[in-house]
Protein backbone atom coordinates (compact mmCIF):
# COMPACT_ATOMS: atom_id res chain seq x y z
CA MET A 1 69.73 47.67 91.10
CA SER A 2 68.90 48.63 87.54
CA ASN A 3 70.62 51.59 85.94
CA GLU A 4 67.32 53.47 85.78
CA LYS A 5 66.71 52.96 89.51
CA GLU A 6 70.31 53.99 90.26
CA GLN A 7 69.81 57.17 88.25
CA ARG A 8 66.55 58.02 90.06
CA LEU A 9 68.20 57.36 93.42
CA ARG A 10 71.10 59.66 92.52
CA GLU A 11 68.77 62.39 91.26
CA LYS A 12 66.82 62.30 94.53
CA LEU A 13 69.65 61.84 97.03
CA LEU A 14 72.44 64.03 95.67
CA PRO A 15 70.54 67.33 96.02
CA GLU A 16 69.46 66.24 99.52
CA ILE A 17 73.08 65.47 100.46
CA GLU A 18 74.28 68.82 99.04
CA GLU A 19 71.60 70.64 101.06
CA PHE A 20 72.59 68.70 104.18
CA LYS A 21 76.25 69.71 103.70
CA ALA A 22 75.27 73.37 103.15
CA GLN A 23 73.24 73.37 106.40
CA ARG A 24 76.22 72.26 108.49
CA SER A 25 78.91 74.73 109.61
CA THR A 26 81.26 72.30 111.29
CA LEU A 27 82.50 68.81 110.70
CA GLN A 28 83.65 66.22 113.22
CA LEU A 29 87.19 64.95 112.74
CA ALA A 30 88.69 61.62 113.75
CA THR A 31 92.47 61.99 113.50
CA GLN A 32 95.41 60.09 114.90
CA ASP A 33 98.86 61.09 116.08
CA ALA A 34 102.18 59.61 114.93
CA ASP A 35 101.73 56.74 117.42
CA GLY A 36 98.21 55.97 116.19
CA VAL A 37 96.46 57.44 119.24
CA PRO A 38 93.01 58.62 118.07
CA ASN A 39 91.47 62.02 118.72
CA ALA A 40 87.93 63.29 118.10
CA SER A 41 87.48 66.99 117.43
CA TYR A 42 85.69 69.39 115.13
CA ALA A 43 86.41 72.30 112.81
CA PRO A 44 84.40 74.85 110.85
CA PHE A 45 84.59 74.08 107.14
CA ALA A 46 83.90 75.43 103.68
CA LEU A 47 83.18 73.26 100.69
CA ALA A 48 84.68 74.02 97.30
CA ASP A 49 84.65 72.12 94.02
CA ASP A 50 87.86 70.28 94.97
CA GLY A 51 87.19 69.31 98.58
CA PHE A 52 86.49 70.54 102.09
CA TYR A 53 88.69 73.27 103.57
CA ILE A 54 89.50 73.72 107.26
CA LEU A 55 91.83 76.18 108.96
CA VAL A 56 93.32 74.80 112.17
CA SER A 57 96.11 75.71 114.55
CA GLU A 58 99.09 73.43 114.86
CA LEU A 59 98.81 74.10 118.60
CA ALA A 60 95.55 72.13 118.58
CA ARG A 61 95.84 68.36 118.89
CA HIS A 62 94.00 67.72 115.61
CA GLY A 63 96.26 70.25 113.85
CA THR A 64 99.33 68.31 114.95
CA ASN A 65 97.66 65.00 114.09
CA LEU A 66 96.83 66.11 110.53
CA GLN A 67 100.51 66.85 110.00
CA ALA A 68 101.52 63.46 111.43
CA SER A 69 98.97 61.43 109.45
CA ASP A 70 97.08 62.53 106.38
CA LYS A 71 94.36 59.88 106.88
CA LEU A 72 91.21 60.81 108.74
CA SER A 73 87.52 60.18 109.04
CA VAL A 74 85.01 63.02 108.85
CA MET A 75 81.38 63.28 109.95
CA LEU A 76 78.71 65.90 109.38
CA VAL A 77 75.78 65.16 111.69
CA GLU A 78 72.28 66.49 112.18
CA ASP A 79 71.76 68.45 115.37
CA GLU A 80 70.00 66.47 118.09
CA SER A 81 67.30 69.14 118.40
CA GLU A 82 66.44 68.74 114.68
CA SER A 83 66.41 64.95 114.68
CA LYS A 84 63.28 62.80 114.79
CA SER A 85 65.27 60.23 116.78
CA VAL A 86 68.67 60.45 118.45
CA PHE A 87 69.15 56.83 117.38
CA ALA A 88 68.93 57.69 113.68
CA ARG A 89 70.34 61.18 113.23
CA LYS A 90 71.08 62.11 109.62
CA ARG A 91 74.80 61.97 109.01
CA LEU A 92 77.36 61.98 106.28
CA THR A 93 80.64 60.25 107.03
CA PHE A 94 83.62 59.73 104.79
CA ASP A 95 87.21 58.64 104.81
CA ALA A 96 89.50 61.36 103.55
CA THR A 97 93.06 62.44 102.91
CA ALA A 98 94.25 65.76 104.32
CA GLU A 99 96.65 67.93 102.35
CA VAL A 100 98.44 70.91 103.90
CA VAL A 101 97.95 73.81 101.50
CA ALA A 102 101.03 75.95 100.84
CA ARG A 103 100.50 79.58 101.87
CA ASP A 104 101.86 80.97 98.60
CA SER A 105 99.53 78.91 96.38
CA ASP A 106 96.35 79.70 94.49
CA THR A 107 94.71 76.86 96.41
CA PHE A 108 95.46 78.67 99.70
CA THR A 109 93.82 81.83 98.36
CA LYS A 110 90.82 79.80 97.16
CA GLY A 111 90.39 77.91 100.44
CA VAL A 112 90.72 80.99 102.66
CA ALA A 113 88.28 82.88 100.41
CA ALA A 114 85.74 80.04 100.70
CA LEU A 115 86.08 80.00 104.49
CA SER A 116 85.97 83.80 104.69
CA ALA A 117 82.79 83.94 102.60
CA ARG A 118 81.19 81.57 105.08
CA PHE A 119 82.57 82.84 108.41
CA GLY A 120 83.66 86.43 107.84
CA GLU A 121 86.79 88.40 108.59
CA MET A 122 87.84 86.21 111.52
CA ILE A 123 89.12 83.74 108.92
CA ASP A 124 91.40 86.36 107.37
CA ASN A 125 92.79 87.13 110.84
CA LEU A 126 93.38 83.45 111.63
CA ALA A 127 94.91 82.76 108.20
CA ALA A 128 97.48 85.48 108.88
CA LEU A 129 98.68 83.70 112.03
CA LYS A 130 101.69 81.47 111.36
CA ASP A 131 100.46 78.62 113.58
CA PHE A 132 97.27 78.21 111.52
CA ASN A 133 97.40 75.86 108.56
CA LEU A 134 94.90 75.40 105.79
CA PHE A 135 94.04 71.79 105.02
CA LYS A 136 92.15 70.48 102.04
CA LEU A 137 90.21 67.31 102.90
CA ILE A 138 89.69 65.05 99.91
CA PRO A 139 86.92 62.48 100.44
CA HIS A 140 87.42 58.92 99.14
CA HIS A 141 84.23 57.07 99.95
CA GLY A 142 81.39 57.85 102.27
CA LEU A 143 78.11 56.90 103.82
CA TYR A 144 74.95 58.99 104.03
CA VAL A 145 72.47 57.81 106.66
CA LYS A 146 69.07 59.47 106.59
CA GLY A 147 67.22 57.16 108.97
CA PHE A 148 66.62 53.57 110.01
CA GLY A 149 67.28 51.26 107.04
CA GLN A 150 68.27 54.22 104.87
CA ALA A 151 72.04 54.09 104.50
CA PHE A 152 73.63 54.93 101.17
CA SER A 153 77.22 54.27 100.17
CA LEU A 154 78.89 57.09 98.24
CA SER A 155 81.87 56.55 95.97
CA GLY A 156 83.50 57.79 92.82
CA ALA A 157 84.60 61.27 91.87
CA GLU A 158 83.17 63.78 94.36
CA LEU A 159 81.17 60.96 96.01
CA LEU A 160 78.53 61.11 93.28
CA ASP A 161 77.93 57.36 92.87
CA VAL A 162 75.19 56.13 95.21
CA ASP A 163 74.38 52.60 96.39
CA TRP A 164 71.65 51.71 98.90
CA LYS A 165 73.34 49.75 101.70
CA ARG A 166 71.02 46.90 102.62
CA ASP A 167 73.68 44.98 104.55
CA GLY A 168 74.44 47.42 107.34
CA HIS A 169 76.75 50.41 107.62
CA HIS A 170 80.09 48.67 107.28
CA GLY A 171 82.15 46.96 104.66
CA THR A 172 83.67 48.12 101.42
CA PRO A 173 81.40 50.28 99.31
CA LYS A 174 80.02 48.56 96.25
CA GLN A 175 81.18 50.23 93.07
CA VAL A 176 78.27 51.70 91.14
CA THR A 177 79.02 52.87 87.66
CA GLU A 178 77.67 56.17 86.46
CA GLN A 179 75.62 56.27 83.27
CA ALA A 180 77.24 58.37 80.55
């Protein structure tokens, strides 16, 4: 794909992806425990300039899993009632690393404030509970699917490099360089 076409694709898709993320309140989590046993769950999230923030209890299975393994997969998915076809729901998936955020850090304050702005005072109450931990999810590479034959690999800093996947939804994302 030519650099001009790549640039046009980015200019069209990135705002659409940002709007899609803003319309979602929760993300689906695929975590694993210390023995590698998988678990699917979800958590409300807030997005900041340095990643996604979630506040989860260590009493929950996914809370324990995130402490056992910092690798996870995340999905934001269009609601079935909004979708033109349940076979091609819009979705954004990405592999990520989870970092436990120290309670006495500026990052903790930032993450809780982002969640609180989105979900209200319940976040402040949960953040005060000792069994709740704040995690920052840092995406590595992703895939945005907006319909049949419309899958786009996302890579680079903040997943801003876009490549139209014409070979299916799997495989290593092709590196697309950003124009300076």
